[in-house]
Amino acid sequence: MLNVTNNASNSASLVNNHEKRIEAELEQLVIDIRRLGPSGDTVSFGELFDDDDVQNYYEALVGTLKCAKKRGIIKFKGQMLLKGMHDSVTISIADGAESATKSSAQP
């Protein structure tokens, strides 16, 4: 019985750590878009993807973008962006992105 309890708490800890990483990436994504974008709130996918800091930080940029879009933090056309084919697609920060990153962290 103790082993089952330990496995459950280990699983919960892994899920919690993963969720914290996702939240950190979503917050950093908004920072990176503002850093790279000429207007501060938009950037092309190619420019974001090719940035050295972005390449070093994100485990899976495309997955982070998809998650951010689903949570209403960013907007872009299409379902998923692919390097080369979608380099000119504009990614923009959605209105209320700051509150979306903070509220998605709440259970």
N, C-alpha and C. Protein backbone atom coordinates (compact mmCIF):
# COMPACT_ATOMS: atom_id res chain seq x y z
N MET A 1 0.82 -1.19 0.00
CA MET A 1 0.00 0.00 0.00
C MET A 1 0.86 1.26 0.00
N LEU A 2 1.94 1.25 0.74
CA LEU A 2 2.84 2.39 0.80
C LEU A 2 3.42 2.68 -0.58
N ASN A 3 3.76 1.64 -1.33
CA ASN A 3 4.33 1.81 -2.65
C ASN A 3 3.37 2.54 -3.59
N VAL A 4 2.09 2.23 -3.53
CA VAL A 4 1.08 2.90 -4.36
C VAL A 4 1.00 4.37 -4.00
N THR A 5 1.03 4.69 -2.72
CA THR A 5 0.98 6.07 -2.27
C THR A 5 2.20 6.84 -2.74
N ASN A 6 3.38 6.24 -2.65
CA ASN A 6 4.59 6.89 -3.13
C ASN A 6 4.54 7.13 -4.63
N ASN A 7 4.02 6.16 -5.39
CA ASN A 7 3.90 6.33 -6.84
C ASN A 7 2.94 7.46 -7.18
N ALA A 8 1.84 7.56 -6.45
CA ALA A 8 0.86 8.61 -6.69
C ALA A 8 1.45 9.98 -6.39
N SER A 9 2.19 10.09 -5.28
CA SER A 9 2.78 11.38 -4.95
C SER A 9 3.90 11.74 -5.92
N ASN A 10 4.65 10.76 -6.39
CA ASN A 10 5.68 11.01 -7.40
C ASN A 10 5.04 11.49 -8.71
N SER A 11 3.93 10.88 -9.10
CA SER A 11 3.24 11.28 -10.31
C SER A 11 2.71 12.70 -10.18
N ALA A 12 2.13 13.00 -9.04
CA ALA A 12 1.60 14.35 -8.80
C ALA A 12 2.73 15.38 -8.84
N SER A 13 3.86 15.03 -8.30
CA SER A 13 5.01 15.93 -8.31
C SER A 13 5.51 16.17 -9.74
N LEU A 14 5.56 15.11 -10.54
CA LEU A 14 5.98 15.25 -11.94
C LEU A 14 5.02 16.14 -12.72
N VAL A 15 3.73 15.95 -12.50
CA VAL A 15 2.73 16.77 -13.18
C VAL A 15 2.87 18.23 -12.76
N ASN A 16 3.05 18.47 -11.47
CA ASN A 16 3.21 19.82 -10.96
C ASN A 16 4.45 20.48 -11.56
N ASN A 17 5.56 19.76 -11.61
CA ASN A 17 6.79 20.31 -12.19
C ASN A 17 6.62 20.62 -13.67
N HIS A 18 5.92 19.73 -14.38
CA HIS A 18 5.68 19.94 -15.81
C HIS A 18 4.81 21.18 -16.03
N GLU A 19 3.78 21.33 -15.23
CA GLU A 19 2.89 22.49 -15.36
C GLU A 19 3.65 23.79 -15.06
N LYS A 20 4.54 23.77 -14.09
CA LYS A 20 5.36 24.95 -13.78
C LYS A 20 6.26 25.31 -14.96
N ARG A 21 6.82 24.30 -15.62
CA ARG A 21 7.68 24.54 -16.79
C ARG A 21 6.86 25.15 -17.93
N ILE A 22 5.67 24.63 -18.15
CA ILE A 22 4.80 25.17 -19.20
C ILE A 22 4.47 26.64 -18.91
N GLU A 23 4.10 26.93 -17.68
CA GLU A 23 3.77 28.31 -17.30
C GLU A 23 4.96 29.23 -17.50
N ALA A 24 6.15 28.78 -17.13
CA ALA A 24 7.36 29.59 -17.32
C ALA A 24 7.60 29.84 -18.81
N GLU A 25 7.40 28.83 -19.63
CA GLU A 25 7.60 28.99 -21.07
C GLU A 25 6.58 29.94 -21.67
N LEU A 26 5.35 29.89 -21.21
CA LEU A 26 4.32 30.79 -21.73
C LEU A 26 4.63 32.24 -21.36
N GLU A 27 5.06 32.45 -20.15
CA GLU A 27 5.45 33.81 -19.73
C GLU A 27 6.66 34.29 -20.51
N GLN A 28 7.64 33.42 -20.72
CA GLN A 28 8.84 33.79 -21.47
C GLN A 28 8.50 34.05 -22.94
N LEU A 29 7.54 33.34 -23.48
CA LEU A 29 7.13 33.54 -24.87
C LEU A 29 6.65 34.96 -25.11
N VAL A 30 5.84 35.47 -24.20
CA VAL A 30 5.37 36.85 -24.31
C VAL A 30 6.55 37.82 -24.25
N ILE A 31 7.49 37.58 -23.37
CA ILE A 31 8.69 38.41 -23.26
C ILE A 31 9.49 38.37 -24.55
N ASP A 32 9.67 37.17 -25.11
CA ASP A 32 10.46 37.03 -26.34
C ASP A 32 9.78 37.70 -27.54
N ILE A 33 8.48 37.58 -27.64
CA ILE A 33 7.77 38.25 -28.74
C ILE A 33 7.95 39.76 -28.63
N ARG A 34 7.83 40.29 -27.43
CA ARG A 34 8.00 41.74 -27.23
C ARG A 34 9.45 42.17 -27.50
N ARG A 35 10.40 41.32 -27.15
CA ARG A 35 11.82 41.64 -27.37
C ARG A 35 12.16 41.66 -28.86
N LEU A 36 11.62 40.71 -29.61
CA LEU A 36 11.98 40.56 -31.02
C LEU A 36 11.10 41.34 -31.98
N GLY A 37 9.86 41.57 -31.60
CA GLY A 37 8.91 42.19 -32.52
C GLY A 37 9.15 43.66 -32.74
N PRO A 38 9.04 44.11 -33.99
CA PRO A 38 9.26 45.53 -34.29
C PRO A 38 8.23 46.44 -33.61
N SER A 39 7.00 45.95 -33.46
CA SER A 39 5.97 46.75 -32.80
C SER A 39 5.85 46.41 -31.32
N GLY A 40 6.54 45.37 -30.90
CA GLY A 40 6.49 44.96 -29.51
C GLY A 40 5.46 43.88 -29.22
N ASP A 41 4.41 43.81 -30.03
CA ASP A 41 3.37 42.82 -29.79
C ASP A 41 3.22 41.79 -30.90
N THR A 42 4.04 41.89 -31.94
CA THR A 42 3.99 40.92 -33.03
C THR A 42 5.40 40.56 -33.48
N VAL A 43 5.53 39.34 -34.00
CA VAL A 43 6.80 38.88 -34.54
C VAL A 43 6.49 37.80 -35.58
N SER A 44 7.36 37.66 -36.57
CA SER A 44 7.15 36.57 -37.52
C SER A 44 7.65 35.27 -36.91
N PHE A 45 7.05 34.17 -37.33
CA PHE A 45 7.46 32.87 -36.80
C PHE A 45 8.94 32.62 -37.11
N GLY A 46 9.38 32.95 -38.32
CA GLY A 46 10.77 32.73 -38.70
C GLY A 46 11.74 33.49 -37.82
N GLU A 47 11.41 34.75 -37.52
CA GLU A 47 12.27 35.56 -36.66
C GLU A 47 12.34 34.97 -35.25
N LEU A 48 11.19 34.55 -34.73
CA LEU A 48 11.15 33.94 -33.40
C LEU A 48 11.93 32.63 -33.38
N PHE A 49 11.69 31.78 -34.36
CA PHE A 49 12.31 30.46 -34.42
C PHE A 49 13.83 30.56 -34.56
N ASP A 50 14.32 31.54 -35.33
CA ASP A 50 15.76 31.66 -35.60
C ASP A 50 16.55 32.35 -34.50
N ASP A 51 15.90 32.93 -33.52
CA ASP A 51 16.59 33.63 -32.45
C ASP A 51 17.35 32.63 -31.57
N ASP A 52 18.62 32.92 -31.30
CA ASP A 52 19.46 32.01 -30.51
C ASP A 52 18.91 31.78 -29.10
N ASP A 53 18.47 32.84 -28.44
CA ASP A 53 17.93 32.70 -27.09
C ASP A 53 16.69 31.82 -27.07
N VAL A 54 15.84 31.99 -28.07
CA VAL A 54 14.63 31.17 -28.18
C VAL A 54 15.01 29.71 -28.40
N GLN A 55 15.94 29.46 -29.29
CA GLN A 55 16.36 28.08 -29.57
C GLN A 55 16.94 27.40 -28.34
N ASN A 56 17.63 28.15 -27.51
CA ASN A 56 18.24 27.58 -26.31
C ASN A 56 17.27 27.40 -25.15
N TYR A 57 16.19 28.18 -25.13
CA TYR A 57 15.29 28.14 -23.98
C TYR A 57 14.19 27.09 -24.09
N TYR A 58 13.52 27.04 -25.22
CA TYR A 58 12.32 26.20 -25.33
C TYR A 58 12.65 24.76 -25.67
N GLU A 59 11.99 23.84 -24.98
CA GLU A 59 12.15 22.42 -25.28
C GLU A 59 11.50 22.09 -26.61
N ALA A 60 10.34 22.69 -26.86
CA ALA A 60 9.60 22.47 -28.11
C ALA A 60 8.81 23.73 -28.43
N LEU A 61 9.40 24.63 -29.20
CA LEU A 61 8.78 25.92 -29.48
C LEU A 61 7.40 25.76 -30.12
N VAL A 62 7.26 24.86 -31.08
CA VAL A 62 5.98 24.69 -31.77
C VAL A 62 4.90 24.24 -30.77
N GLY A 63 5.25 23.37 -29.87
CA GLY A 63 4.31 22.93 -28.84
C GLY A 63 3.93 24.06 -27.89
N THR A 64 4.90 24.89 -27.54
CA THR A 64 4.63 26.03 -26.67
C THR A 64 3.71 27.02 -27.37
N LEU A 65 3.94 27.25 -28.67
CA LEU A 65 3.08 28.15 -29.43
C LEU A 65 1.65 27.62 -29.50
N LYS A 66 1.53 26.33 -29.73
CA LYS A 66 0.20 25.71 -29.81
C LYS A 66 -0.54 25.83 -28.47
N CYS A 67 0.16 25.59 -27.39
CA CYS A 67 -0.42 25.71 -26.04
C CYS A 67 -0.82 27.16 -25.76
N ALA A 68 0.05 28.11 -26.12
CA ALA A 68 -0.24 29.53 -25.88
C ALA A 68 -1.45 29.99 -26.69
N LYS A 69 -1.58 29.48 -27.90
CA LYS A 69 -2.74 29.83 -28.73
C LYS A 69 -4.02 29.26 -28.12
N LYS A 70 -3.95 28.02 -27.68
CA LYS A 70 -5.12 27.36 -27.07
C LYS A 70 -5.58 28.10 -25.82
N ARG A 71 -4.64 28.66 -25.06
CA ARG A 71 -4.97 29.39 -23.82
C ARG A 71 -5.30 30.86 -24.07
N GLY A 72 -5.27 31.29 -25.33
CA GLY A 72 -5.63 32.66 -25.66
C GLY A 72 -4.56 33.69 -25.38
N ILE A 73 -3.30 33.26 -25.30
CA ILE A 73 -2.19 34.16 -25.00
C ILE A 73 -1.66 34.81 -26.27
N ILE A 74 -1.64 34.05 -27.35
CA ILE A 74 -1.17 34.55 -28.64
C ILE A 74 -2.19 34.20 -29.72
N LYS A 75 -2.00 34.84 -30.90
CA LYS A 75 -2.83 34.55 -32.06
C LYS A 75 -1.93 34.36 -33.27
N PHE A 76 -2.28 33.41 -34.12
CA PHE A 76 -1.65 33.26 -35.43
C PHE A 76 -2.59 32.45 -36.30
N LYS A 77 -2.43 32.58 -37.62
CA LYS A 77 -3.29 31.85 -38.55
C LYS A 77 -2.82 30.41 -38.64
N GLY A 78 -3.79 29.51 -38.71
CA GLY A 78 -3.48 28.09 -38.86
C GLY A 78 -3.46 27.37 -37.53
N GLN A 79 -3.25 26.08 -37.62
CA GLN A 79 -3.23 25.23 -36.42
C GLN A 79 -1.82 25.07 -35.85
N MET A 80 -0.83 24.96 -36.75
CA MET A 80 0.54 24.69 -36.33
C MET A 80 1.48 25.37 -37.32
N LEU A 81 2.63 25.80 -36.84
CA LEU A 81 3.61 26.47 -37.69
C LEU A 81 4.82 25.57 -37.92
N LEU A 82 5.27 25.54 -39.15
CA LEU A 82 6.44 24.73 -39.53
C LEU A 82 7.52 25.63 -40.10
N LYS A 83 8.76 25.39 -39.71
CA LYS A 83 9.89 26.18 -40.16
C LYS A 83 10.01 26.10 -41.68
N GLY A 84 10.25 27.25 -42.28
CA GLY A 84 10.37 27.32 -43.73
C GLY A 84 9.04 27.68 -44.36
N MET A 85 8.09 26.81 -44.23
CA MET A 85 6.78 27.00 -44.84
C MET A 85 6.01 28.18 -44.22
N HIS A 86 6.17 28.40 -42.93
CA HIS A 86 5.39 29.42 -42.22
C HIS A 86 6.25 30.53 -41.62
N ASP A 87 7.45 30.74 -42.14
CA ASP A 87 8.34 31.76 -41.58
C ASP A 87 7.74 33.15 -41.56
N SER A 88 6.89 33.48 -42.53
CA SER A 88 6.34 34.84 -42.61
C SER A 88 5.03 35.00 -41.83
N VAL A 89 4.53 33.95 -41.21
CA VAL A 89 3.28 34.05 -40.43
C VAL A 89 3.53 34.93 -39.21
N THR A 90 2.61 35.86 -39.00
CA THR A 90 2.72 36.78 -37.87
C THR A 90 2.10 36.16 -36.62
N ILE A 91 2.85 36.21 -35.54
CA ILE A 91 2.39 35.79 -34.22
C ILE A 91 2.17 37.07 -33.42
N SER A 92 0.99 37.22 -32.86
CA SER A 92 0.72 38.43 -32.08
C SER A 92 0.24 38.06 -30.68
N ILE A 93 0.56 38.93 -29.74
CA ILE A 93 0.13 38.74 -28.37
C ILE A 93 -1.35 39.13 -28.30
N ALA A 94 -2.17 38.27 -27.74
CA ALA A 94 -3.60 38.52 -27.63
C ALA A 94 -3.87 39.56 -26.55
N ASP A 95 -4.97 40.26 -26.70
CA ASP A 95 -5.39 41.20 -25.66
C ASP A 95 -5.61 40.42 -24.37
N GLY A 96 -5.10 40.93 -23.28
CA GLY A 96 -5.27 40.26 -21.99
C GLY A 96 -4.32 39.09 -21.78
N ALA A 97 -3.22 39.05 -22.53
CA ALA A 97 -2.28 37.94 -22.40
C ALA A 97 -1.66 37.84 -21.01
N GLU A 98 -1.44 38.99 -20.38
CA GLU A 98 -0.82 38.98 -19.05
C GLU A 98 -1.72 38.24 -18.05
N SER A 99 -3.02 38.52 -18.11
CA SER A 99 -3.92 37.85 -17.17
C SER A 99 -4.11 36.40 -17.55
N ALA A 100 -4.01 36.07 -18.84
CA ALA A 100 -4.17 34.68 -19.27
C ALA A 100 -3.03 33.81 -18.76
N THR A 101 -1.81 34.32 -18.75
CA THR A 101 -0.70 33.50 -18.25
C THR A 101 -0.80 33.30 -16.76
N LYS A 102 -1.26 34.31 -16.05
CA LYS A 102 -1.38 34.19 -14.60
C LYS A 102 -2.58 33.34 -14.18
N SER A 103 -3.72 33.49 -14.87
CA SER A 103 -4.91 32.74 -14.48
C SER A 103 -4.81 31.28 -14.86
N SER A 104 -4.04 30.94 -15.92
CA SER A 104 -3.91 29.54 -16.30
C SER A 104 -3.07 28.77 -15.29
N ALA A 105 -2.34 29.48 -14.46
CA ALA A 105 -1.54 28.81 -13.43
C ALA A 105 -2.39 28.42 -12.23
N GLN A 106 -3.58 29.01 -12.09
CA GLN A 106 -4.44 28.69 -10.97
C GLN A 106 -5.15 27.37 -11.21
N PRO A 107 -5.36 26.54 -10.19
CA PRO A 107 -6.05 25.25 -10.36
C PRO A 107 -7.52 25.44 -10.63
